[in-house]
Amino acid sequence: MSEFICGFSGSAGTAVITTEKAALATDGRYFNQASKQLDSNWHLLKQGLEDVPTWQEWTAEQSEGDKTVGVDPTVITAAEARKLTEKIQKKGGNTLVGISTNLVDQVWGSARPARPNEKVSVLDLKFAGKKFEEKIEDLRKELDKKKSAGLIIRPYDAIFKDSQAFGESLEMKAPAEGKPARPTKKFWISNKASWALNLDLGGEEKVEEVRSPIGDAKAIKNNTELEGMRACHIRDGASLIEYFAWLEEELTAKGAKLDEVQAADKLEEIRSKKEHFVGLSFDTISSTGANAAVIHYKPERDNCSVIDPKAIYLCDSGGQYLDGTTDTTRTLHFGEPSELERKAYTLVLKGVIALDTVVFPKGTSGFALDAFARQFLWQEGLDYRHGTGHGVGSYLNVHEGPIGVGQRVQYSEVPLSAGNVISDEPGYYEDGNFGIRIENVIMGRQAETNHKFGDKPWLGFEHVTMVPMCRKLIDGKLLSQEERAWLNDYHKEVYEKTKGFFEGDERTLRWLERETQPIHMVELALS
């Protein structure tokens, strides 16, 4: 919707339009992209920067003079609506009202793309690891424990025509004469559910907003799902290794001219041949040079850059497999990287290793762990404007809540647990020059420690992504002895688990052997 009204195509943004002004708010992942895509009619609100108002604050400022603010209630939560109403009234505005018909949709008209209408399939138990009946029973036990009447989730329209009809069905019928009315328990709805759903169900008197117990349960994978994650990441890693070996040969040995989309198409072709492959988990970010500095860059067919072998190449991609979901980022250089590029890459790599190897007590959140990945960049006065990690679904959303690692307050609300699957992806970006990101998927697990302070379980991570780091970009002198040992062990593991995919493929096997060679102290002394 925001792309139609303002030209911004990022996945996170809020547009606010008045009769005289228009603003778009987005986070640090999209500052570069939004500044290029918005025209002079739009004011860019860079969220999180000092002295920049939030979109709610900016909206409230525009409401001064008893103005009313309208919003499509399906696009904000009830909590957001309450906070926005409060801000509007404090600034001298009138109030916030929900508009039943989205005004942008009215302008868009018949040109608006149809809603997705994909076929629903049932995942075989050998991949799911648990029957849906058992999951429903677990949910009912949770509802009974909290004395809730039930949980309302979408899609409920298979039973009720619309949410208002569903809300009316919750009305307590008049008691028979002479009999007292029975108290009615509240139904739960997710605190991420829309304001529209809340209103249609009768508001706060009828529903209680809670963090979805389904989301919490989904974030802790069962043993079958964890094993599926291990297996699919090995196959997916083999695909990326084959792709990078092919790409290097095409660009350097053959001098081919390949654009970013052509390269991404080749990667999808390689992935599609792997067992249990269903499709991509998101559009591949295939980016060369300055484009790599656009954090969520999306190359457009027939309107993208030719890959420059003398510049940084960043590839962020993933696949959906019946046994799991992958999300891997690797940054490579096919020529001679600059000292700054090598230093930045190595600082990012140190952050990846730090989060991969951290040990922490049960009850620790991803908010508390974020600094482990940033510390080496911070020591140089550097940073990145995105989270360090997001939850990953099992043959589901590649970005899955409620867990994550980052500086957002939401990551302090839910502690990390054994069975969580998250990404580990620090980065560094220089607008107009280059971008670096390294991303592994890691899984929460019990950690063995010498002591058990407070009688708490201790946790750590297991990495499952199996793709080498770029040796050419690593400055080994910046790595500690422990970090070099981790890297050598990781590369040995990658080699052992993926080499079997390349029988008869000498090009890929040579590339894999070269990229997984251990880094020795002798090499560092000579470099």
Protein backbone atom coordinates (compact mmCIF):
# COMPACT_ATOMS: atom_id res chain seq x y z
CA MET A 1 0.00 0.00 0.00
CA SER A 2 2.78 2.47 0.89
CA GLU A 3 4.50 1.77 -2.43
CA PHE A 4 1.36 2.79 -4.33
CA ILE A 5 0.81 6.01 -2.39
CA CYS A 6 4.41 7.21 -2.02
CA GLY A 7 6.76 4.96 -4.02
CA PHE A 8 8.51 3.38 -1.02
CA SER A 9 8.73 -0.41 -1.41
CA GLY A 10 10.27 -1.40 1.93
CA SER A 11 8.52 -3.86 4.25
CA ALA A 12 8.33 -1.49 7.25
CA GLY A 13 6.85 1.99 6.98
CA THR A 14 3.93 4.16 8.06
CA ALA A 15 2.51 6.87 5.81
CA VAL A 16 0.66 9.87 7.31
CA ILE A 17 -1.17 12.24 4.97
CA THR A 18 -2.87 15.54 5.81
CA THR A 19 -4.49 18.07 3.52
CA GLU A 20 -1.18 19.97 3.38
CA LYS A 21 1.66 17.58 4.27
CA ALA A 22 2.74 13.97 3.91
CA ALA A 23 5.29 11.98 5.90
CA LEU A 24 6.70 8.47 5.78
CA ALA A 25 8.26 6.91 8.88
CA THR A 26 10.63 3.96 8.65
CA ASP A 27 13.50 2.41 10.59
CA GLY A 28 17.23 2.34 9.97
CA ARG A 29 17.09 -0.61 7.59
CA TYR A 30 15.38 1.62 5.03
CA PHE A 31 16.80 5.16 5.46
CA ASN A 32 18.93 4.82 2.34
CA GLN A 33 16.19 3.18 0.27
CA ALA A 34 13.43 5.58 1.33
CA SER A 35 15.54 8.66 0.62
CA LYS A 36 15.95 7.41 -2.96
CA GLN A 37 12.32 6.38 -3.52
CA LEU A 38 10.42 9.32 -1.99
CA ASP A 39 9.93 12.49 -4.00
CA SER A 40 9.87 16.07 -2.71
CA ASN A 41 6.22 15.80 -1.60
CA TRP A 42 7.22 13.51 1.26
CA HIS A 43 8.96 14.18 4.55
CA LEU A 44 11.06 11.22 5.73
CA LEU A 45 10.87 10.49 9.47
CA LYS A 46 13.98 8.48 10.34
CA GLN A 47 12.74 6.57 13.35
CA GLY A 48 15.20 6.09 16.18
CA LEU A 49 17.38 9.09 15.40
CA GLU A 50 17.78 11.84 17.96
CA ASP A 51 15.37 14.78 17.63
CA VAL A 52 13.28 12.96 15.01
CA PRO A 53 9.63 12.59 16.09
CA THR A 54 7.90 9.24 15.92
CA TRP A 55 5.10 9.02 13.38
CA GLN A 56 2.64 9.17 16.28
CA GLU A 57 4.19 12.39 17.59
CA TRP A 58 4.24 13.92 14.11
CA THR A 59 0.58 12.95 13.59
CA ALA A 60 -0.40 14.48 16.93
CA GLU A 61 1.36 17.72 15.99
CA GLN A 62 -0.68 17.93 12.79
CA SER A 63 -3.92 17.50 14.79
CA GLU A 64 -3.50 20.73 16.78
CA GLY A 65 -6.57 22.93 16.60
CA ASP A 66 -9.18 20.28 17.41
CA LYS A 67 -8.56 18.26 14.24
CA THR A 68 -9.71 14.62 13.96
CA VAL A 69 -7.34 11.92 12.78
CA GLY A 70 -8.69 9.02 10.75
CA VAL A 71 -7.09 5.60 10.41
CA ASP A 72 -7.92 2.24 8.89
CA PRO A 73 -8.45 0.23 12.11
CA THR A 74 -7.23 -2.96 10.45
CA VAL A 75 -3.65 -1.64 10.20
CA ILE A 76 -2.97 -0.73 13.85
CA THR A 77 -3.44 -2.57 17.13
CA ALA A 78 -5.84 -1.51 19.86
CA ALA A 79 -2.91 -0.54 22.10
CA GLU A 80 -1.45 1.65 19.35
CA ALA A 81 -4.86 3.29 18.88
CA ARG A 82 -5.11 4.09 22.58
CA LYS A 83 -1.63 5.62 22.70
CA LEU A 84 -2.21 7.63 19.53
CA THR A 85 -5.53 8.97 20.84
CA GLU A 86 -3.79 10.10 24.03
CA LYS A 87 -1.05 11.90 22.08
CA ILE A 88 -3.60 13.59 19.80
CA GLN A 89 -5.64 14.92 22.70
CA LYS A 90 -2.55 16.12 24.59
CA LYS A 91 -1.58 18.18 21.53
CA GLY A 92 -5.00 19.80 21.31
CA GLY A 93 -6.43 17.53 18.66
CA ASN A 94 -9.93 16.08 18.80
CA THR A 95 -9.65 12.30 18.66
CA LEU A 96 -8.79 9.24 16.58
CA VAL A 97 -11.52 7.54 14.57
CA GLY A 98 -11.54 4.27 12.69
CA ILE A 99 -12.61 4.57 9.06
CA SER A 100 -14.40 1.53 7.70
CA THR A 101 -13.20 2.07 4.12
CA ASN A 102 -9.48 2.55 3.55
CA LEU A 103 -9.10 5.80 1.58
CA VAL A 104 -5.93 4.64 -0.16
CA ASP A 105 -7.79 1.56 -1.39
CA GLN A 106 -10.50 3.82 -2.81
CA VAL A 107 -7.91 5.77 -4.80
CA TRP A 108 -6.10 2.59 -5.81
CA GLY A 109 -9.32 1.08 -7.15
CA SER A 110 -9.17 -1.85 -9.54
CA ALA A 111 -5.40 -1.48 -9.98
CA ARG A 112 -4.83 -2.88 -6.50
CA PRO A 113 -3.33 -6.40 -6.67
CA ALA A 114 -5.54 -9.24 -5.50
CA ARG A 115 -4.98 -10.70 -2.05
CA PRO A 116 -2.86 -13.88 -1.96
CA ASN A 117 -5.01 -16.96 -2.50
CA GLU A 118 -2.59 -19.83 -2.17
CA LYS A 119 -3.75 -23.36 -1.49
CA VAL A 120 -3.47 -24.53 2.13
CA SER A 121 -1.61 -27.81 2.55
CA VAL A 122 -1.22 -30.13 5.53
CA LEU A 123 2.37 -30.80 6.58
CA ASP A 124 3.14 -34.47 7.05
CA LEU A 125 3.70 -35.54 10.65
CA LYS A 126 7.22 -36.73 9.80
CA PHE A 127 8.10 -33.04 9.25
CA ALA A 128 5.78 -31.42 11.82
CA GLY A 129 6.74 -33.74 14.67
CA LYS A 130 3.47 -33.23 16.53
CA LYS A 131 -0.19 -33.73 15.66
CA PHE A 132 -2.34 -30.61 15.44
CA GLU A 133 -4.81 -32.20 17.86
CA GLU A 134 -2.06 -32.33 20.49
CA LYS A 135 -1.20 -28.67 19.87
CA ILE A 136 -4.85 -27.66 20.33
CA GLU A 137 -5.05 -29.68 23.54
CA ASP A 138 -1.94 -27.90 24.86
CA LEU A 139 -3.56 -24.55 24.05
CA ARG A 140 -6.75 -25.52 25.87
CA LYS A 141 -4.73 -26.44 28.96
CA GLU A 142 -3.14 -22.98 28.85
CA LEU A 143 -6.55 -21.32 28.55
CA ASP A 144 -7.89 -23.33 31.49
CA LYS A 145 -4.86 -22.42 33.57
CA LYS A 146 -5.49 -18.70 32.93
CA LYS A 147 -9.29 -19.07 33.27
CA SER A 148 -9.94 -17.73 29.79
CA ALA A 149 -13.09 -18.51 27.83
CA GLY A 150 -11.07 -19.06 24.66
CA LEU A 151 -8.67 -17.58 22.15
CA ILE A 152 -9.86 -15.81 19.01
CA ILE A 153 -7.53 -16.16 16.06
CA ARG A 154 -7.80 -15.59 12.37
CA PRO A 155 -9.09 -16.98 10.10
CA TYR A 156 -12.41 -17.16 11.92
CA ASP A 157 -14.39 -16.33 8.78
CA ALA A 158 -14.77 -20.02 8.00
CA ILE A 159 -17.40 -20.04 10.76
CA PHE A 160 -18.58 -16.43 11.05
CA LYS A 161 -19.22 -14.16 8.13
CA ASP A 162 -17.45 -11.22 9.75
CA SER A 163 -15.94 -10.18 13.06
CA GLN A 164 -18.95 -8.09 14.04
CA ALA A 165 -21.21 -11.14 13.72
CA PHE A 166 -18.72 -13.08 15.79
CA GLY A 167 -18.77 -10.35 18.43
CA GLU A 168 -22.56 -10.47 18.55
CA SER A 169 -22.40 -14.22 19.10
CA LEU A 170 -20.45 -13.59 22.31
CA GLU A 171 -23.29 -11.52 23.83
CA MET A 172 -24.64 -13.20 26.96
CA LYS A 173 -28.22 -14.26 26.41
CA ALA A 174 -30.82 -12.88 28.85
CA PRO A 175 -31.17 -15.24 31.82
CA ALA A 176 -34.39 -17.11 32.43
CA GLU A 177 -36.76 -15.35 34.82
CA GLY A 178 -35.69 -15.71 38.43
CA LYS A 179 -32.20 -16.98 37.56
CA PRO A 180 -29.11 -14.82 38.03
CA ALA A 181 -26.89 -14.10 35.06
CA ARG A 182 -23.71 -16.15 34.98
CA PRO A 183 -20.43 -14.23 34.89
CA THR A 184 -18.86 -14.32 31.43
CA LYS A 185 -15.14 -14.96 31.03
CA LYS A 186 -13.26 -12.80 28.62
CA PHE A 187 -11.90 -14.16 25.38
CA TRP A 188 -8.25 -13.67 24.55
CA ILE A 189 -7.05 -11.94 21.41
CA SER A 190 -3.46 -11.34 20.45
CA ASN A 191 -2.00 -7.98 21.47
CA LYS A 192 -0.88 -7.82 17.83
CA ALA A 193 -4.48 -8.15 16.58
CA SER A 194 -6.01 -5.17 14.82
CA TRP A 195 -8.01 -2.42 16.48
CA ALA A 196 -10.83 -3.35 14.09
CA LEU A 197 -11.04 -6.88 15.51
CA ASN A 198 -11.01 -5.53 19.06
CA LEU A 199 -13.85 -3.10 18.29
CA ASP A 200 -15.97 -5.64 16.44
CA LEU A 201 -15.71 -8.10 19.31
CA GLY A 202 -17.04 -5.60 21.82
CA GLY A 203 -13.86 -3.89 23.01
CA GLU A 204 -12.15 -4.20 26.38
CA GLU A 205 -15.30 -5.41 28.13
CA LYS A 206 -15.39 -8.57 26.02
CA VAL A 207 -11.76 -9.33 25.21
CA GLU A 208 -8.36 -9.36 26.87
CA GLU A 209 -5.27 -8.55 24.85
CA VAL A 210 -2.42 -10.98 25.51
CA ARG A 211 0.78 -12.11 23.86
CA SER A 212 -0.38 -14.98 21.68
CA PRO A 213 0.24 -18.36 23.34
CA ILE A 214 0.33 -19.82 19.83
CA GLY A 215 3.26 -17.58 18.92
CA ASP A 216 5.09 -18.57 22.09
CA ALA A 217 4.55 -22.27 21.42
CA LYS A 218 5.51 -21.99 17.76
CA ALA A 219 8.82 -20.32 18.68
CA ILE A 220 9.99 -23.41 20.59
CA LYS A 221 10.63 -26.11 18.01
CA ASN A 222 10.19 -29.79 18.80
CA ASN A 223 12.96 -32.32 18.19
CA THR A 224 11.66 -33.25 14.74
CA GLU A 225 11.62 -29.59 13.67
CA LEU A 226 15.12 -29.01 15.06
CA GLU A 227 16.47 -32.02 13.20
CA GLY A 228 14.74 -30.76 10.05
CA MET A 229 16.45 -27.40 10.49
CA ARG A 230 19.84 -29.10 10.68
CA ALA A 231 19.18 -31.17 7.57
CA CYS A 232 17.72 -28.46 5.36
CA HIS A 233 20.54 -26.04 6.20
CA ILE A 234 23.12 -28.56 5.02
CA ARG A 235 21.31 -28.97 1.67
CA ASP A 236 20.77 -25.23 1.41
CA GLY A 237 24.40 -24.56 2.29
CA ALA A 238 25.48 -26.90 -0.51
CA SER A 239 23.35 -24.85 -2.90
CA LEU A 240 25.03 -21.60 -1.87
CA ILE A 241 28.50 -23.13 -2.10
CA GLU A 242 27.79 -24.34 -5.65
CA TYR A 243 26.37 -20.91 -6.53
CA PHE A 244 29.34 -18.93 -5.21
CA ALA A 245 31.80 -21.22 -6.99
CA TRP A 246 29.86 -20.79 -10.25
CA LEU A 247 29.55 -17.02 -9.82
CA GLU A 248 33.26 -16.54 -9.15
CA GLU A 249 34.22 -18.52 -12.26
CA GLU A 250 31.71 -16.66 -14.44
CA LEU A 251 32.90 -13.23 -13.29
CA THR A 252 36.64 -13.76 -13.07
CA ALA A 253 37.66 -16.64 -15.35
CA LYS A 254 35.08 -16.11 -18.08
CA GLY A 255 34.58 -12.35 -17.74
CA ALA A 256 30.81 -12.77 -17.97
CA LYS A 257 28.50 -9.79 -17.51
CA LEU A 258 25.81 -10.86 -15.07
CA ASP A 259 23.33 -8.57 -13.41
CA GLU A 260 22.03 -9.03 -9.87
CA VAL A 261 18.75 -10.67 -10.93
CA GLN A 262 20.41 -13.08 -13.36
CA ALA A 263 22.66 -14.24 -10.54
CA ALA A 264 19.71 -14.62 -8.15
CA ASP A 265 17.85 -16.68 -10.77
CA LYS A 266 20.82 -19.05 -10.99
CA LEU A 267 20.82 -19.49 -7.21
CA GLU A 268 17.10 -20.33 -7.22
CA GLU A 269 17.69 -22.85 -10.03
CA ILE A 270 20.39 -24.59 -7.96
CA ARG A 271 18.24 -24.58 -4.80
CA SER A 272 15.21 -25.97 -6.62
CA LYS A 273 17.02 -29.25 -7.26
CA LYS A 274 17.47 -30.04 -3.57
CA GLU A 275 15.27 -32.51 -1.70
CA HIS A 276 12.07 -31.14 -0.12
CA PHE A 277 12.49 -27.70 -1.78
CA VAL A 278 9.19 -25.79 -2.06
CA GLY A 279 10.24 -22.23 -2.91
CA LEU A 280 12.18 -19.20 -1.70
CA SER A 281 11.62 -17.97 1.84
CA PHE A 282 11.92 -14.35 0.59
CA ASP A 283 13.09 -12.45 -2.47
CA THR A 284 16.85 -12.85 -2.83
CA ILE A 285 18.94 -9.78 -1.96
CA SER A 286 21.63 -9.97 -4.63
CA SER A 287 23.61 -6.73 -4.38
CA THR A 288 26.87 -5.41 -5.75
CA GLY A 289 28.97 -2.47 -4.57
CA ALA A 290 26.96 0.47 -3.26
CA ASN A 291 23.71 -1.52 -3.54
CA ALA A 292 24.97 -3.75 -0.72
CA ALA A 293 24.70 -0.71 1.58
CA VAL A 294 20.91 -0.72 1.08
CA ILE A 295 20.04 -3.11 3.88
CA HIS A 296 16.90 -4.62 2.34
CA TYR A 297 17.84 -4.01 -1.29
CA LYS A 298 15.66 -5.71 -3.89
CA PRO A 299 17.04 -5.87 -7.44
CA GLU A 300 14.45 -5.31 -10.14
CA ARG A 301 14.56 -7.33 -13.35
CA ASP A 302 15.90 -5.28 -16.29
CA ASN A 303 16.58 -2.39 -13.89
CA CYS A 304 19.47 -3.50 -11.68
CA SER A 305 23.25 -3.38 -11.62
CA VAL A 306 25.76 -5.62 -13.33
CA ILE A 307 27.83 -7.41 -10.71
CA ASP A 308 31.27 -5.82 -10.39
CA PRO A 309 33.95 -8.43 -9.56
CA LYS A 310 36.11 -5.64 -8.13
CA ALA A 311 33.48 -4.67 -5.55
CA ILE A 312 31.76 -6.21 -2.54
CA TYR A 313 28.95 -8.66 -3.35
CA LEU A 314 26.30 -9.30 -0.68
CA CYS A 315 23.82 -12.16 -1.03
CA ASP A 316 20.99 -12.59 1.52
CA SER A 317 18.73 -15.48 0.56
CA GLY A 318 16.76 -18.43 1.85
CA GLY A 319 14.64 -21.40 0.93
CA GLN A 320 11.45 -23.05 2.14
CA TYR A 321 11.81 -26.79 2.55
CA LEU A 322 9.28 -29.23 3.94
CA ASP A 323 11.65 -29.85 6.83
CA GLY A 324 12.58 -26.25 7.58
CA THR A 325 13.23 -22.65 6.56
CA THR A 326 16.64 -21.13 5.77
CA ASP A 327 18.01 -17.59 5.80
CA THR A 328 21.70 -17.06 5.03
CA THR A 329 23.77 -13.98 4.22
CA ARG A 330 27.30 -14.04 2.90
CA THR A 331 29.43 -11.13 1.73
CA LEU A 332 32.14 -11.91 -0.82
CA HIS A 333 34.79 -10.14 -2.87
CA PHE A 334 36.05 -11.55 -6.17
CA GLY A 335 38.90 -9.04 -6.56
CA GLU A 336 41.13 -7.23 -4.07
CA PRO A 337 39.21 -5.79 -1.11
CA SER A 338 40.34 -2.59 0.57
CA GLU A 339 41.80 -2.56 4.06
CA LEU A 340 38.61 -0.91 5.34
CA GLU A 341 36.46 -3.63 3.79
CA ARG A 342 38.61 -6.35 5.35
CA LYS A 343 38.58 -4.69 8.74
CA ALA A 344 34.83 -4.09 8.69
CA TYR A 345 34.16 -7.66 7.57
CA THR A 346 36.34 -9.08 10.33
CA LEU A 347 34.70 -6.94 13.02
CA VAL A 348 31.31 -8.21 11.83
CA LEU A 349 32.62 -11.79 11.85
CA LYS A 350 33.83 -11.35 15.43
CA GLY A 351 30.29 -10.30 16.35
CA VAL A 352 28.84 -13.41 14.69
CA ILE A 353 31.22 -15.60 16.69
CA ALA A 354 30.49 -13.76 19.96
CA LEU A 355 26.75 -14.38 19.74
CA ASP A 356 27.26 -17.94 18.50
CA THR A 357 29.40 -18.82 21.54
CA VAL A 358 27.66 -16.85 24.30
CA VAL A 359 26.42 -18.73 27.39
CA PHE A 360 23.60 -17.20 29.43
CA PRO A 361 21.17 -18.10 32.22
CA LYS A 362 17.60 -19.12 31.46
CA GLY A 363 15.37 -16.04 31.54
CA THR A 364 17.75 -13.89 29.47
CA SER A 365 16.20 -12.01 26.56
CA GLY A 366 17.57 -11.22 23.13
CA PHE A 367 17.59 -7.56 24.14
CA ALA A 368 20.28 -8.38 26.71
CA LEU A 369 22.43 -10.31 24.21
CA ASP A 370 22.45 -7.74 21.42
CA ALA A 371 25.58 -5.94 22.58
CA PHE A 372 27.65 -9.13 22.29
CA ALA A 373 27.39 -8.89 18.49
CA ARG A 374 27.94 -5.11 18.30
CA GLN A 375 30.82 -4.74 20.76
CA PHE A 376 33.69 -4.94 18.24
CA LEU A 377 32.09 -2.40 15.92
CA TRP A 378 31.30 -0.15 18.88
CA GLN A 379 34.96 -0.19 19.92
CA GLU A 380 35.69 1.45 16.54
CA GLY A 381 32.77 3.88 16.76
CA LEU A 382 30.77 1.86 14.21
CA ASP A 383 27.32 0.26 14.29
CA TYR A 384 24.41 -0.97 12.15
CA ARG A 385 20.77 0.11 11.99
CA HIS A 386 18.96 -3.20 12.19
CA GLY A 387 18.36 -5.97 14.68
CA THR A 388 21.00 -8.60 15.26
CA GLY A 389 18.60 -11.54 14.95
CA HIS A 390 15.00 -12.54 14.30
CA GLY A 391 13.05 -15.69 14.98
CA VAL A 392 12.86 -18.20 12.10
CA GLY A 393 9.85 -20.43 11.49
CA SER A 394 9.88 -24.11 10.63
CA TYR A 395 8.48 -24.19 7.06
CA LEU A 396 6.72 -20.97 8.06
CA ASN A 397 7.59 -17.27 8.18
CA VAL A 398 11.28 -16.55 7.77
CA HIS A 399 10.72 -13.68 10.23
CA GLU A 400 8.85 -15.15 13.18
CA GLY A 401 8.02 -13.53 16.53
CA PRO A 402 7.96 -13.02 19.38
CA ILE A 403 11.68 -13.65 19.96
CA GLY A 404 14.68 -11.88 18.50
CA VAL A 405 17.99 -10.23 19.31
CA GLY A 406 18.09 -6.46 19.05
CA GLN A 407 17.59 -3.07 20.64
CA ARG A 408 13.82 -2.93 20.28
CA VAL A 409 11.92 -3.04 23.56
CA GLN A 410 9.83 -5.97 22.29
CA TYR A 411 12.92 -8.19 22.45
CA SER A 412 13.07 -7.67 26.22
CA GLU A 413 9.57 -9.09 26.71
CA VAL A 414 10.23 -12.75 25.91
CA PRO A 415 13.23 -14.71 27.25
CA LEU A 416 15.12 -16.99 24.91
CA SER A 417 14.60 -20.73 25.34
CA ALA A 418 16.06 -24.03 24.25
CA GLY A 419 14.39 -24.86 20.94
CA ASN A 420 14.29 -21.27 19.70
CA VAL A 421 15.63 -20.76 16.17
CA ILE A 422 17.00 -17.29 15.42
CA SER A 423 19.33 -15.54 13.01
CA ASP A 424 22.75 -14.18 13.97
CA GLU A 425 23.39 -11.33 11.54
CA PRO A 426 25.44 -8.26 12.46
CA GLY A 427 26.59 -5.98 9.65
CA TYR A 428 28.21 -2.71 8.63
CA TYR A 429 27.13 -0.34 5.83
CA GLU A 430 28.68 2.71 4.18
CA ASP A 431 26.06 4.50 2.09
CA GLY A 432 27.13 4.86 -1.52
CA ASN A 433 30.14 2.59 -1.05
CA PHE A 434 29.62 -0.95 0.28
CA GLY A 435 27.70 -3.07 2.75
CA ILE A 436 28.69 -6.12 4.80
CA ARG A 437 26.46 -8.62 6.55
CA ILE A 438 27.10 -12.17 7.74
CA GLU A 439 24.11 -14.27 8.78
CA ASN A 440 23.95 -17.71 10.33
CA VAL A 441 20.89 -19.41 11.78
CA ILE A 442 21.44 -20.60 15.35
CA MET A 443 19.29 -22.72 17.69
CA GLY A 444 18.90 -22.37 21.46
CA ARG A 445 20.06 -25.37 23.49
CA GLN A 446 21.07 -26.35 27.02
CA ALA A 447 24.68 -25.44 27.84
CA GLU A 448 27.02 -27.43 30.04
CA THR A 449 28.63 -25.20 32.68
CA ASN A 450 30.94 -25.90 35.60
CA HIS A 451 28.51 -24.26 38.01
CA LYS A 452 24.73 -23.70 38.24
CA PHE A 453 24.42 -20.34 39.97
CA GLY A 454 20.92 -19.86 41.33
CA ASP A 455 20.06 -23.43 40.33
CA LYS A 456 19.12 -22.07 36.90
CA PRO A 457 19.58 -23.90 33.62
CA TRP A 458 22.16 -22.26 31.34
CA LEU A 459 21.72 -21.90 27.62
CA GLY A 460 23.82 -21.44 24.50
CA PHE A 461 23.47 -21.81 20.74
CA GLU A 462 24.07 -24.37 18.01
CA HIS A 463 24.76 -23.04 14.51
CA VAL A 464 23.16 -24.87 11.58
CA THR A 465 24.11 -22.71 8.57
CA MET A 466 26.80 -24.47 6.54
CA VAL A 467 28.45 -21.95 4.21
CA PRO A 468 32.11 -20.79 4.42
CA MET A 469 33.07 -17.25 5.38
CA CYS A 470 34.96 -15.27 2.72
CA ARG A 471 38.67 -15.88 3.40
CA LYS A 472 39.72 -12.97 1.20
CA LEU A 473 37.82 -10.55 3.45
CA ILE A 474 39.14 -11.91 6.77
CA ASP A 475 41.97 -10.08 8.50
CA GLY A 476 43.23 -12.93 10.66
CA LYS A 477 45.39 -10.61 12.76
CA LEU A 478 42.20 -9.10 14.22
CA LEU A 479 40.98 -12.49 15.45
CA SER A 480 41.81 -13.86 18.87
CA GLN A 481 43.17 -17.37 19.27
CA GLU A 482 39.71 -18.53 20.38
CA GLU A 483 38.05 -16.87 17.37
CA ARG A 484 40.51 -18.47 14.95
CA ALA A 485 39.84 -21.86 16.54
CA TRP A 486 36.08 -21.31 16.17
CA LEU A 487 36.49 -20.33 12.51
CA ASN A 488 38.73 -23.30 11.70
CA ASP A 489 36.35 -25.69 13.45
CA TYR A 490 33.38 -24.14 11.66
CA HIS A 491 35.02 -24.47 8.25
CA LYS A 492 35.97 -28.08 8.97
CA GLU A 493 32.34 -28.79 9.86
CA VAL A 494 31.08 -27.07 6.69
CA TYR A 495 33.48 -29.07 4.55
CA GLU A 496 32.63 -32.44 6.12
CA LYS A 497 28.87 -31.92 5.94
CA THR A 498 28.64 -30.56 2.38
CA LYS A 499 31.46 -32.16 0.35
CA GLY A 500 29.30 -35.19 -0.49
CA PHE A 501 27.04 -33.01 -2.66
CA PHE A 502 29.89 -32.25 -5.06
CA GLU A 503 31.00 -35.61 -6.38
CA GLY A 504 32.06 -35.03 -9.98
CA ASP A 505 31.82 -31.24 -9.54
CA GLU A 506 35.50 -30.26 -9.49
CA ARG A 507 34.86 -26.51 -9.70
CA THR A 508 32.71 -26.42 -6.58
CA LEU A 509 34.89 -28.85 -4.64
CA ARG A 510 38.02 -26.76 -5.37
CA TRP A 511 36.23 -23.62 -4.22
CA LEU A 512 35.00 -25.32 -1.03
CA GLU A 513 38.45 -26.71 -0.22
CA ARG A 514 40.07 -23.31 -0.73
CA GLU A 515 37.52 -21.38 1.35
CA THR A 516 37.58 -23.86 4.26
CA GLN A 517 41.35 -24.07 4.65
CA PRO A 518 42.35 -23.38 8.27
CA ILE A 519 43.93 -20.06 9.19
CA HIS A 520 47.36 -20.72 10.75
CA MET A 521 49.57 -18.47 12.85
CA VAL A 522 52.34 -18.85 10.23
CA GLU A 523 50.12 -17.26 7.59
CA LEU A 524 49.39 -14.34 9.89
CA ALA A 525 53.07 -13.74 10.58
CA LEU A 526 53.82 -13.64 6.84
CA SER A 527 50.87 -11.42 5.91
